[in-house]
Structures are given as structure tokens and as C-alpha cells.
Amino acid sequence: MVGEERLPTFRYRCSQCGNLTRFDVFSTKRVRAYYHYTLGGSLRVEEEEVLAEEVERVVCRWCGSSQAVESIEALEAEVASEQEGA
């Protein structure tokens, strides 16, 4: 469903500032979507399936770096987050 939270298999981490939570992700997607229009003309997207996605660039919101952002396993990010909070 659209707007549904899902658990990712990977996350991003900025090795320059340590950010694990805020990134601008620039991507191109090809989707199939079910549009439901009301008689009044309002639109609600009830289903959306991503057919293809290409991530072009990821930028850290904290320090602005795109060179230092890396993709890591979600479990690895969880462990790093717990270590920072300890």
C-alpha cells in the first residue's frame, strides 16, 4: 500500500559525520499504480507497485556529503545506533 512503512534490508550511513537517519535520495522509479478518482475529481492512489528503481545519488542531510554515504546492512545500522546511545 502507498504510504506504508516497511523494514528495509539496508540503510545508509554517512562515514563523514556518523548520520544514520536523514538523507536526500535521488532516484528514478518505474511504477504501476491504481488510481481511484472520486466523482468530485479527487485522486487517491490505492495500490502502487515499483517495477524498477535506480538510486542516482544519496546526500547526507547533516553534513551535505554525497561522497561519504555508504549502504550498510540494516542490522549493522541498528548495532551502530545502539553503540552510539550507550
N, C-alpha and C. Protein backbone atom coordinates (compact mmCIF):
# COMPACT_ATOMS: atom_id res chain seq x y z
N MET A 1 0.83 -1.19 0.00
CA MET A 1 0.00 0.00 0.00
C MET A 1 0.88 1.26 0.00
N VAL A 2 0.35 2.33 -0.52
CA VAL A 2 1.07 3.60 -0.58
C VAL A 2 1.15 4.19 0.83
N GLY A 3 2.31 4.73 1.19
CA GLY A 3 2.50 5.35 2.49
C GLY A 3 2.74 4.35 3.61
N GLU A 4 2.84 3.08 3.28
CA GLU A 4 3.03 2.04 4.27
C GLU A 4 4.49 1.95 4.67
N GLU A 5 4.76 1.82 5.98
CA GLU A 5 6.13 1.66 6.44
C GLU A 5 6.56 0.22 6.21
N ARG A 6 7.81 0.06 5.86
CA ARG A 6 8.36 -1.27 5.68
C ARG A 6 9.77 -1.30 6.24
N LEU A 7 10.20 -2.47 6.67
CA LEU A 7 11.54 -2.61 7.21
C LEU A 7 12.51 -2.85 6.07
N PRO A 8 13.51 -2.00 5.93
CA PRO A 8 14.46 -2.15 4.83
C PRO A 8 15.50 -3.24 5.14
N THR A 9 16.10 -3.77 4.10
CA THR A 9 17.18 -4.73 4.27
C THR A 9 18.53 -4.02 4.38
N PHE A 10 18.56 -2.74 4.00
CA PHE A 10 19.78 -1.95 4.12
C PHE A 10 19.42 -0.54 4.58
N ARG A 11 20.42 0.17 5.04
CA ARG A 11 20.26 1.57 5.41
C ARG A 11 21.48 2.33 4.92
N TYR A 12 21.40 3.65 5.03
CA TYR A 12 22.53 4.49 4.66
C TYR A 12 23.23 4.97 5.92
N ARG A 13 24.54 5.21 5.80
CA ARG A 13 25.33 5.79 6.88
C ARG A 13 26.34 6.74 6.26
N CYS A 14 26.49 7.89 6.89
CA CYS A 14 27.49 8.85 6.44
C CYS A 14 28.75 8.64 7.27
N SER A 15 29.82 8.24 6.62
CA SER A 15 31.07 7.99 7.35
C SER A 15 31.79 9.30 7.70
N GLN A 16 31.33 10.41 7.16
CA GLN A 16 31.93 11.70 7.47
C GLN A 16 31.43 12.25 8.81
N CYS A 17 30.10 12.15 9.07
CA CYS A 17 29.55 12.73 10.30
C CYS A 17 28.83 11.72 11.20
N GLY A 18 28.64 10.48 10.73
CA GLY A 18 28.00 9.45 11.54
C GLY A 18 26.49 9.37 11.41
N ASN A 19 25.89 10.20 10.59
CA ASN A 19 24.44 10.21 10.40
C ASN A 19 23.92 8.85 9.95
N LEU A 20 22.83 8.39 10.61
CA LEU A 20 22.17 7.15 10.22
C LEU A 20 20.71 7.36 9.85
N THR A 21 20.21 8.60 9.96
CA THR A 21 18.76 8.79 9.89
C THR A 21 18.24 9.76 8.84
N ARG A 22 18.99 10.68 8.33
CA ARG A 22 18.45 11.71 7.44
C ARG A 22 19.27 11.82 6.15
N PHE A 23 18.63 11.48 5.02
CA PHE A 23 19.30 11.52 3.72
C PHE A 23 18.33 11.99 2.65
N ASP A 24 18.85 12.69 1.66
CA ASP A 24 18.10 13.00 0.45
C ASP A 24 18.48 11.93 -0.57
N VAL A 25 17.48 11.19 -1.05
CA VAL A 25 17.72 10.12 -2.01
C VAL A 25 17.14 10.54 -3.35
N PHE A 26 17.98 10.64 -4.35
CA PHE A 26 17.56 11.00 -5.70
C PHE A 26 17.45 9.70 -6.49
N SER A 27 16.24 9.39 -6.96
CA SER A 27 16.04 8.14 -7.67
C SER A 27 15.04 8.30 -8.80
N THR A 28 15.11 7.35 -9.71
CA THR A 28 14.15 7.26 -10.81
C THR A 28 13.41 5.95 -10.63
N LYS A 29 12.06 6.02 -10.67
CA LYS A 29 11.25 4.82 -10.48
C LYS A 29 10.31 4.62 -11.65
N ARG A 30 10.06 3.37 -11.95
CA ARG A 30 9.01 2.98 -12.90
C ARG A 30 8.00 2.21 -12.08
N VAL A 31 6.74 2.70 -12.05
CA VAL A 31 5.73 2.10 -11.19
C VAL A 31 4.44 1.79 -11.96
N ARG A 32 3.69 0.85 -11.42
CA ARG A 32 2.33 0.59 -11.86
C ARG A 32 1.48 1.03 -10.69
N ALA A 33 0.50 1.93 -10.95
CA ALA A 33 -0.31 2.48 -9.87
C ALA A 33 -1.79 2.36 -10.20
N TYR A 34 -2.58 2.08 -9.16
CA TYR A 34 -4.03 2.03 -9.30
C TYR A 34 -4.59 3.35 -8.82
N TYR A 35 -5.11 4.15 -9.76
CA TYR A 35 -5.68 5.46 -9.45
C TYR A 35 -7.19 5.31 -9.26
N HIS A 36 -7.70 5.86 -8.18
CA HIS A 36 -9.12 5.86 -7.90
C HIS A 36 -9.58 7.32 -7.80
N TYR A 37 -10.34 7.75 -8.79
CA TYR A 37 -10.87 9.11 -8.81
C TYR A 37 -12.30 9.09 -8.25
N THR A 38 -12.62 10.08 -7.41
CA THR A 38 -14.00 10.23 -6.96
C THR A 38 -14.78 10.97 -8.05
N LEU A 39 -16.09 10.96 -7.93
CA LEU A 39 -16.90 11.71 -8.89
C LEU A 39 -16.62 13.20 -8.81
N GLY A 40 -16.13 13.65 -7.66
CA GLY A 40 -15.76 15.06 -7.49
C GLY A 40 -14.40 15.40 -8.06
N GLY A 41 -13.65 14.39 -8.53
CA GLY A 41 -12.36 14.65 -9.17
C GLY A 41 -11.15 14.45 -8.28
N SER A 42 -11.35 14.10 -7.00
CA SER A 42 -10.21 13.86 -6.12
C SER A 42 -9.55 12.54 -6.47
N LEU A 43 -8.25 12.47 -6.30
CA LEU A 43 -7.49 11.28 -6.64
C LEU A 43 -6.96 10.62 -5.38
N ARG A 44 -7.05 9.30 -5.34
CA ARG A 44 -6.41 8.51 -4.29
C ARG A 44 -5.69 7.36 -4.98
N VAL A 45 -4.38 7.23 -4.70
CA VAL A 45 -3.61 6.12 -5.24
C VAL A 45 -3.75 4.98 -4.24
N GLU A 46 -4.45 3.92 -4.64
CA GLU A 46 -4.76 2.83 -3.71
C GLU A 46 -3.74 1.70 -3.73
N GLU A 47 -3.07 1.51 -4.83
CA GLU A 47 -2.02 0.50 -4.94
C GLU A 47 -0.89 1.07 -5.77
N GLU A 48 0.32 0.69 -5.42
CA GLU A 48 1.48 1.09 -6.22
C GLU A 48 2.51 -0.02 -6.15
N GLU A 49 2.98 -0.44 -7.30
CA GLU A 49 4.00 -1.48 -7.38
C GLU A 49 5.21 -0.90 -8.10
N VAL A 50 6.36 -0.96 -7.45
CA VAL A 50 7.60 -0.48 -8.07
C VAL A 50 8.12 -1.57 -8.99
N LEU A 51 8.18 -1.26 -10.28
CA LEU A 51 8.65 -2.21 -11.28
C LEU A 51 10.16 -2.13 -11.46
N ALA A 52 10.71 -0.94 -11.32
CA ALA A 52 12.16 -0.73 -11.43
C ALA A 52 12.52 0.54 -10.68
N GLU A 53 13.69 0.54 -10.07
CA GLU A 53 14.15 1.73 -9.35
C GLU A 53 15.66 1.83 -9.46
N GLU A 54 16.12 3.05 -9.75
CA GLU A 54 17.55 3.31 -9.82
C GLU A 54 17.86 4.48 -8.90
N VAL A 55 18.69 4.23 -7.89
CA VAL A 55 19.13 5.29 -7.00
C VAL A 55 20.31 5.98 -7.67
N GLU A 56 20.15 7.28 -7.91
CA GLU A 56 21.18 8.03 -8.63
C GLU A 56 22.21 8.67 -7.69
N ARG A 57 21.71 9.15 -6.54
CA ARG A 57 22.60 9.84 -5.61
C ARG A 57 21.96 9.88 -4.24
N VAL A 58 22.77 9.79 -3.18
CA VAL A 58 22.29 9.90 -1.81
C VAL A 58 23.15 10.96 -1.13
N VAL A 59 22.49 11.95 -0.50
CA VAL A 59 23.18 13.07 0.14
C VAL A 59 22.81 13.11 1.62
N CYS A 60 23.81 13.25 2.47
CA CYS A 60 23.60 13.35 3.91
C CYS A 60 22.96 14.70 4.24
N ARG A 61 21.88 14.68 4.99
CA ARG A 61 21.20 15.92 5.38
C ARG A 61 21.97 16.70 6.44
N TRP A 62 22.82 16.03 7.21
CA TRP A 62 23.54 16.71 8.29
C TRP A 62 24.76 17.48 7.78
N CYS A 63 25.57 16.84 6.94
CA CYS A 63 26.82 17.50 6.51
C CYS A 63 26.86 17.81 5.02
N GLY A 64 25.88 17.32 4.25
CA GLY A 64 25.82 17.62 2.83
C GLY A 64 26.69 16.76 1.94
N SER A 65 27.36 15.78 2.52
CA SER A 65 28.25 14.93 1.73
C SER A 65 27.46 13.89 0.93
N SER A 66 27.90 13.66 -0.30
CA SER A 66 27.36 12.53 -1.06
C SER A 66 28.47 11.50 -1.28
N GLN A 67 29.70 11.92 -1.12
CA GLN A 67 30.85 11.03 -1.32
C GLN A 67 31.02 10.06 -0.15
N ALA A 68 30.63 10.47 1.06
CA ALA A 68 30.88 9.65 2.25
C ALA A 68 29.70 8.77 2.65
N VAL A 69 28.62 8.80 1.90
CA VAL A 69 27.45 8.00 2.23
C VAL A 69 27.64 6.59 1.69
N GLU A 70 27.41 5.61 2.57
CA GLU A 70 27.55 4.21 2.19
C GLU A 70 26.29 3.44 2.55
N SER A 71 26.05 2.38 1.85
CA SER A 71 24.92 1.49 2.11
C SER A 71 25.40 0.37 3.02
N ILE A 72 24.66 0.13 4.12
CA ILE A 72 25.05 -0.93 5.06
C ILE A 72 23.84 -1.82 5.35
N GLU A 73 24.08 -3.01 5.86
CA GLU A 73 23.00 -3.91 6.26
C GLU A 73 22.20 -3.25 7.37
N ALA A 74 20.89 -3.43 7.36
CA ALA A 74 20.02 -2.81 8.37
C ALA A 74 20.41 -3.22 9.77
N LEU A 75 20.77 -4.48 9.99
CA LEU A 75 21.16 -4.96 11.31
C LEU A 75 22.44 -4.26 11.78
N GLU A 76 23.37 -4.04 10.87
CA GLU A 76 24.62 -3.34 11.19
C GLU A 76 24.32 -1.91 11.65
N ALA A 77 23.36 -1.24 11.01
CA ALA A 77 22.97 0.10 11.39
C ALA A 77 22.36 0.12 12.78
N GLU A 78 21.57 -0.89 13.10
CA GLU A 78 20.93 -0.98 14.41
C GLU A 78 21.99 -1.12 15.51
N VAL A 79 22.99 -1.95 15.28
CA VAL A 79 24.07 -2.14 16.24
C VAL A 79 24.86 -0.84 16.42
N ALA A 80 25.16 -0.15 15.33
CA ALA A 80 25.90 1.12 15.41
C ALA A 80 25.11 2.16 16.19
N SER A 81 23.80 2.20 15.97
CA SER A 81 22.94 3.15 16.67
C SER A 81 22.92 2.86 18.17
N GLU A 82 22.85 1.59 18.54
CA GLU A 82 22.85 1.21 19.96
C GLU A 82 24.18 1.55 20.62
N GLN A 83 25.29 1.39 19.91
CA GLN A 83 26.61 1.69 20.46
C GLN A 83 26.77 3.19 20.69
N GLU A 84 26.21 4.03 19.81
CA GLU A 84 26.29 5.47 19.97
C GLU A 84 25.47 5.93 21.18
N GLY A 85 24.36 5.26 21.44
CA GLY A 85 23.49 5.64 22.56
C GLY A 85 23.99 5.15 23.90
N ALA A 86 24.94 4.22 23.92
CA ALA A 86 25.44 3.63 25.17
C ALA A 86 26.41 4.53 25.87
